[in-house]
Amino acid sequence: MKKLLCVLLVALSVNAYADNNDKTRHDKVVELIKLMNMDSLMDSMYAQMDNMMKGMSAKLDIKPSEQAIFDKYHKRMLDAAKETMGWKVMEPNIITIYERNFTDQQLNDMLAFYRSDTGKAVIAKMPQMMQESMGFMQQAAQNTMGRFQQIVQEMQAELSAHRQAEASGQGGQH
């Protein structure tokens, strides 16, 4: 009976230590995310999405009489993005990812960095850097899509020619 009690006490203390350690780790990640202003970065992303969607208005050649229709769908798209990619949805996932991928020491080091003047400068400059990166990435994506369309057209032409040749070669065998 004493052995069972000892085993139980040891198991409970180990379990309590693990729970406390996880909580400490969780708290570190939450603090890190706050220091990194991830919620503000998400807001910045929504602003960029909003601008991209507004840019669709020009690409779709929206007339003044159609603006209310476009605005209605624009709002729905932005609301859908916030609902499915909002900070309240993303935060628990990000916390889990950080907890899973970084050791306590790495979290401590990142916390020290983001508390430093250099870390604060990185955080302050991140929204502008993200905006610049998004602009570059959008242009790269547009260029890539243009090339993809050209390649797909060439593939369709070759497939069509192949199918015609195959059909004419098999035409007498039906």
C-alpha atoms as a PDB file:
ATOM      1  CA  MET A   1       0.000   0.000   0.000  1.00  0.00           C
ATOM      2  CA  LYS A   2       2.849   2.382   0.851  1.00  0.00           C
ATOM      3  CA  LYS A   3       4.517   1.590  -2.473  1.00  0.00           C
ATOM      4  CA  LEU A   4       1.285   2.353  -4.325  1.00  0.00           C
ATOM      5  CA  LEU A   5       0.936   5.628  -2.454  1.00  0.00           C
ATOM      6  CA  CYS A   6       4.545   6.553  -3.259  1.00  0.00           C
ATOM      7  CA  VAL A   7       4.076   5.708  -6.929  1.00  0.00           C
ATOM      8  CA  LEU A   8       0.885   7.776  -7.018  1.00  0.00           C
ATOM      9  CA  LEU A   9       2.571  10.758  -5.358  1.00  0.00           C
ATOM     10  CA  VAL A  10       5.516  10.598  -7.757  1.00  0.00           C
ATOM     11  CA  ALA A  11       3.185  10.276 -10.744  1.00  0.00           C
ATOM     12  CA  LEU A  12       1.079  13.206  -9.574  1.00  0.00           C
ATOM     13  CA  SER A  13       4.114  15.387  -8.930  1.00  0.00           C
ATOM     14  CA  VAL A  14       5.571  14.574 -12.357  1.00  0.00           C
ATOM     15  CA  ASN A  15       2.199  15.289 -13.961  1.00  0.00           C
ATOM     16  CA  ALA A  16       1.862  18.560 -12.028  1.00  0.00           C
ATOM     17  CA  TYR A  17       5.396  19.539 -13.110  1.00  0.00           C
ATOM     18  CA  ALA A  18       4.560  18.783 -16.747  1.00  0.00           C
ATOM     19  CA  ASP A  19       1.331  20.806 -16.557  1.00  0.00           C
ATOM     20  CA  ASN A  20       3.172  23.696 -14.904  1.00  0.00           C
ATOM     21  CA  ASN A  21       5.950  23.455 -17.487  1.00  0.00           C
ATOM     22  CA  ASP A  22       3.409  23.505 -20.343  1.00  0.00           C
ATOM     23  CA  LYS A  23       1.686  26.509 -18.808  1.00  0.00           C
ATOM     24  CA  THR A  24       4.999  28.332 -18.520  1.00  0.00           C
ATOM     25  CA  ARG A  25       5.728  27.461 -22.136  1.00  0.00           C
ATOM     26  CA  HIS A  26       2.244  28.618 -23.156  1.00  0.00           C
ATOM     27  CA  ASP A  27       2.697  31.871 -21.246  1.00  0.00           C
ATOM     28  CA  LYS A  28       6.030  32.443 -22.992  1.00  0.00           C
ATOM     29  CA  VAL A  29       4.456  31.946 -26.402  1.00  0.00           C
ATOM     30  CA  VAL A  30       1.552  34.263 -25.569  1.00  0.00           C
ATOM     31  CA  GLU A  31       3.998  36.943 -24.413  1.00  0.00           C
ATOM     32  CA  LEU A  32       6.126  36.464 -27.523  1.00  0.00           C
ATOM     33  CA  ILE A  33       3.118  36.820 -29.792  1.00  0.00           C
ATOM     34  CA  LYS A  34       2.126  40.011 -27.968  1.00  0.00           C
ATOM     35  CA  LEU A  35       5.658  41.401 -28.223  1.00  0.00           C
ATOM     36  CA  MET A  36       5.674  40.615 -31.935  1.00  0.00           C
ATOM     37  CA  ASN A  37       2.346  42.437 -32.386  1.00  0.00           C
ATOM     38  CA  MET A  38       0.978  39.570 -34.446  1.00  0.00           C
ATOM     39  CA  ASP A  39      -2.569  40.864 -34.062  1.00  0.00           C
ATOM     40  CA  SER A  40      -1.493  44.182 -35.614  1.00  0.00           C
ATOM     41  CA  LEU A  41       0.258  42.333 -38.414  1.00  0.00           C
ATOM     42  CA  MET A  42      -3.024  40.560 -39.121  1.00  0.00           C
ATOM     43  CA  ASP A  43      -4.795  43.933 -39.234  1.00  0.00           C
ATOM     44  CA  SER A  44      -2.165  45.113 -41.696  1.00  0.00           C
ATOM     45  CA  MET A  45      -2.825  42.027 -43.816  1.00  0.00           C
ATOM     46  CA  TYR A  46      -6.559  42.821 -43.874  1.00  0.00           C
ATOM     47  CA  ALA A  47      -5.812  46.368 -44.991  1.00  0.00           C
ATOM     48  CA  GLN A  48      -3.705  45.004 -47.836  1.00  0.00           C
ATOM     49  CA  MET A  49      -6.431  42.528 -48.789  1.00  0.00           C
ATOM     50  CA  ASP A  50      -8.908  45.395 -48.750  1.00  0.00           C
ATOM     51  CA  ASN A  51      -6.688  47.396 -51.115  1.00  0.00           C
ATOM     52  CA  MET A  52      -6.272  44.400 -53.411  1.00  0.00           C
ATOM     53  CA  MET A  53     -10.037  43.917 -53.535  1.00  0.00           C
ATOM     54  CA  LYS A  54     -10.561  47.612 -54.235  1.00  0.00           C
ATOM     55  CA  GLY A  55      -8.067  47.259 -57.075  1.00  0.00           C
ATOM     56  CA  MET A  56     -10.368  44.609 -58.530  1.00  0.00           C
ATOM     57  CA  SER A  57     -12.888  47.395 -59.102  1.00  0.00           C
ATOM     58  CA  ALA A  58     -10.649  48.948 -61.750  1.00  0.00           C
ATOM     59  CA  LYS A  59      -9.801  45.586 -63.308  1.00  0.00           C
ATOM     60  CA  LEU A  60     -13.496  44.711 -63.534  1.00  0.00           C
ATOM     61  CA  ASP A  61     -14.208  48.132 -65.036  1.00  0.00           C
ATOM     62  CA  ILE A  62     -16.890  48.852 -62.422  1.00  0.00           C
ATOM     63  CA  LYS A  63     -19.133  51.716 -63.513  1.00  0.00           C
ATOM     64  CA  PRO A  64     -20.447  54.259 -61.000  1.00  0.00           C
ATOM     65  CA  SER A  65     -23.902  52.697 -61.290  1.00  0.00           C
ATOM     66  CA  GLU A  66     -22.388  49.307 -60.332  1.00  0.00           C
ATOM     67  CA  GLN A  67     -20.298  50.543 -57.403  1.00  0.00           C
ATOM     68  CA  ALA A  68     -22.926  49.683 -54.755  1.00  0.00           C
ATOM     69  CA  ILE A  69     -23.067  46.090 -56.038  1.00  0.00           C
ATOM     70  CA  PHE A  70     -19.286  45.816 -56.036  1.00  0.00           C
ATOM     71  CA  ASP A  71     -19.073  47.344 -52.537  1.00  0.00           C
ATOM     72  CA  LYS A  72     -21.608  44.825 -51.201  1.00  0.00           C
ATOM     73  CA  TYR A  73     -19.544  41.864 -52.435  1.00  0.00           C
ATOM     74  CA  HIS A  74     -16.284  43.524 -51.457  1.00  0.00           C
ATOM     75  CA  LYS A  75     -17.561  43.799 -47.873  1.00  0.00           C
ATOM     76  CA  ARG A  76     -18.729  40.173 -47.911  1.00  0.00           C
ATOM     77  CA  MET A  77     -15.293  39.005 -49.079  1.00  0.00           C
ATOM     78  CA  LEU A  78     -13.509  41.026 -46.420  1.00  0.00           C
ATOM     79  CA  ASP A  79     -15.915  39.802 -43.729  1.00  0.00           C
ATOM     80  CA  ALA A  80     -15.366  36.205 -44.878  1.00  0.00           C
ATOM     81  CA  ALA A  81     -11.593  36.661 -44.683  1.00  0.00           C
ATOM     82  CA  LYS A  82     -11.825  38.097 -41.172  1.00  0.00           C
ATOM     83  CA  GLU A  83     -14.177  35.314 -40.104  1.00  0.00           C
ATOM     84  CA  THR A  84     -12.021  32.484 -41.416  1.00  0.00           C
ATOM     85  CA  MET A  85      -8.589  34.068 -40.956  1.00  0.00           C
ATOM     86  CA  GLY A  86      -9.267  36.469 -38.074  1.00  0.00           C
ATOM     87  CA  TRP A  87      -6.903  36.770 -35.166  1.00  0.00           C
ATOM     88  CA  LYS A  88      -9.302  34.913 -32.859  1.00  0.00           C
ATOM     89  CA  VAL A  89      -9.172  31.966 -35.258  1.00  0.00           C
ATOM     90  CA  MET A  90      -5.457  32.187 -35.976  1.00  0.00           C
ATOM     91  CA  GLU A  91      -4.079  32.874 -32.478  1.00  0.00           C
ATOM     92  CA  PRO A  92      -4.676  29.409 -30.936  1.00  0.00           C
ATOM     93  CA  ASN A  93      -3.131  27.763 -33.989  1.00  0.00           C
ATOM     94  CA  ILE A  94      -0.106  30.041 -33.926  1.00  0.00           C
ATOM     95  CA  ILE A  95       0.366  29.404 -30.205  1.00  0.00           C
ATOM     96  CA  THR A  96       0.268  25.654 -30.817  1.00  0.00           C
ATOM     97  CA  ILE A  97       2.774  25.937 -33.672  1.00  0.00           C
ATOM     98  CA  TYR A  98       5.205  27.964 -31.562  1.00  0.00           C
ATOM     99  CA  GLU A  99       4.823  25.611 -28.593  1.00  0.00           C
ATOM    100  CA  ARG A 100       5.478  22.607 -30.801  1.00  0.00           C
ATOM    101  CA  ASN A 101       8.426  24.004 -32.739  1.00  0.00           C
ATOM    102  CA  PHE A 102      10.475  25.977 -30.211  1.00  0.00           C
ATOM    103  CA  THR A 103      12.209  24.836 -27.053  1.00  0.00           C
ATOM    104  CA  ASP A 104      11.937  26.793 -23.821  1.00  0.00           C
ATOM    105  CA  GLN A 105      15.433  28.142 -24.400  1.00  0.00           C
ATOM    106  CA  GLN A 106      14.565  29.287 -27.916  1.00  0.00           C
ATOM    107  CA  LEU A 107      11.441  30.989 -26.610  1.00  0.00           C
ATOM    108  CA  ASN A 108      13.544  32.697 -23.913  1.00  0.00           C
ATOM    109  CA  ASP A 109      16.022  33.870 -26.563  1.00  0.00           C
ATOM    110  CA  MET A 110      13.250  35.206 -28.802  1.00  0.00           C
ATOM    111  CA  LEU A 111      11.640  36.992 -25.872  1.00  0.00           C
ATOM    112  CA  ALA A 112      14.986  38.612 -25.033  1.00  0.00           C
ATOM    113  CA  PHE A 113      15.437  39.652 -28.673  1.00  0.00           C
ATOM    114  CA  TYR A 114      11.975  41.179 -29.069  1.00  0.00           C
ATOM    115  CA  ARG A 115      12.384  43.039 -25.761  1.00  0.00           C
ATOM    116  CA  SER A 116      15.656  44.548 -27.052  1.00  0.00           C
ATOM    117  CA  ASP A 117      15.922  47.789 -29.043  1.00  0.00           C
ATOM    118  CA  THR A 118      16.787  45.822 -32.187  1.00  0.00           C
ATOM    119  CA  GLY A 119      13.812  43.520 -31.693  1.00  0.00           C
ATOM    120  CA  LYS A 120      11.530  46.511 -31.177  1.00  0.00           C
ATOM    121  CA  ALA A 121      12.894  48.046 -34.396  1.00  0.00           C
ATOM    122  CA  VAL A 122      12.133  44.819 -36.280  1.00  0.00           C
ATOM    123  CA  ILE A 123       8.582  44.864 -34.922  1.00  0.00           C
ATOM    124  CA  ALA A 124       8.111  48.541 -35.795  1.00  0.00           C
ATOM    125  CA  LYS A 125       9.343  48.026 -39.356  1.00  0.00           C
ATOM    126  CA  MET A 126       7.581  44.714 -39.997  1.00  0.00           C
ATOM    127  CA  PRO A 127       4.258  46.129 -41.307  1.00  0.00           C
ATOM    128  CA  GLN A 128       6.059  48.257 -43.913  1.00  0.00           C
ATOM    129  CA  MET A 129       8.311  45.355 -44.845  1.00  0.00           C
ATOM    130  CA  MET A 130       5.278  43.090 -45.212  1.00  0.00           C
ATOM    131  CA  GLN A 131       3.524  45.651 -47.391  1.00  0.00           C
ATOM    132  CA  GLU A 132       6.558  45.944 -49.640  1.00  0.00           C
ATOM    133  CA  SER A 133       6.876  42.166 -49.781  1.00  0.00           C
ATOM    134  CA  MET A 134       3.180  41.758 -50.609  1.00  0.00           C
ATOM    135  CA  GLY A 135       3.525  44.225 -53.493  1.00  0.00           C
ATOM    136  CA  PHE A 136       6.467  42.292 -54.885  1.00  0.00           C
ATOM    137  CA  MET A 137       4.735  38.960 -54.364  1.00  0.00           C
ATOM    138  CA  GLN A 138       1.558  40.175 -56.095  1.00  0.00           C
ATOM    139  CA  GLN A 139       3.573  41.269 -59.105  1.00  0.00           C
ATOM    140  CA  ALA A 140       5.461  37.981 -59.140  1.00  0.00           C
ATOM    141  CA  ALA A 141       2.177  36.054 -58.883  1.00  0.00           C
ATOM    142  CA  GLN A 142       0.686  38.034 -61.778  1.00  0.00           C
ATOM    143  CA  ASN A 143       3.758  37.354 -63.902  1.00  0.00           C
ATOM    144  CA  THR A 144       3.618  33.683 -62.976  1.00  0.00           C
ATOM    145  CA  MET A 145      -0.093  33.445 -63.792  1.00  0.00           C
ATOM    146  CA  GLY A 146       0.557  35.001 -67.211  1.00  0.00           C
ATOM    147  CA  ARG A 147       3.237  32.419 -67.891  1.00  0.00           C
ATOM    148  CA  PHE A 148       0.997  29.628 -66.591  1.00  0.00           C
ATOM    149  CA  GLN A 149      -1.787  30.724 -68.946  1.00  0.00           C
ATOM    150  CA  GLN A 150       0.613  30.676 -71.874  1.00  0.00           C
ATOM    151  CA  ILE A 151       1.885  27.205 -70.936  1.00  0.00           C
ATOM    152  CA  VAL A 152      -1.676  25.912 -70.471  1.00  0.00           C
ATOM    153  CA  GLN A 153      -2.637  27.257 -73.909  1.00  0.00           C
ATOM    154  CA  GLU A 154       0.357  25.527 -75.469  1.00  0.00           C
ATOM    155  CA  MET A 155      -0.497  22.304 -73.648  1.00  0.00           C
ATOM    156  CA  GLN A 156      -4.125  22.501 -74.789  1.00  0.00           C
ATOM    157  CA  ALA A 157      -3.026  23.031 -78.369  1.00  0.00           C
ATOM    158  CA  GLU A 158      -0.651  20.069 -78.209  1.00  0.00           C
ATOM    159  CA  LEU A 159      -3.262  17.866 -76.538  1.00  0.00           C
ATOM    160  CA  SER A 160      -5.818  18.869 -79.157  1.00  0.00           C
ATOM    161  CA  ALA A 161      -3.403  18.058 -81.976  1.00  0.00           C
ATOM    162  CA  HIS A 162      -2.520  14.740 -80.324  1.00  0.00           C
ATOM    163  CA  ARG A 163      -6.176  13.828 -79.872  1.00  0.00           C
ATOM    164  CA  GLN A 164      -6.966  14.720 -83.487  1.00  0.00           C
ATOM    165  CA  ALA A 165      -4.052  12.619 -84.705  1.00  0.00           C
ATOM    166  CA  GLU A 166      -5.085   9.766 -82.460  1.00  0.00           C
ATOM    167  CA  ALA A 167      -8.707   9.997 -83.634  1.00  0.00           C
ATOM    168  CA  SER A 168      -7.760  10.028 -87.293  1.00  0.00           C
ATOM    169  CA  GLY A 169      -5.381   7.116 -86.821  1.00  0.00           C
ATOM    170  CA  GLN A 170      -8.064   5.124 -85.030  1.00  0.00           C
ATOM    171  CA  GLY A 171     -10.943   6.299 -87.204  1.00  0.00           C
ATOM    172  CA  GLY A 172     -10.832   3.193 -89.439  1.00  0.00           C
ATOM    173  CA  GLN A 173     -10.661   0.778 -86.495  1.00  0.00           C
ATOM    174  CA  HIS A 174     -14.142   1.481 -85.045  1.00  0.00           C
END
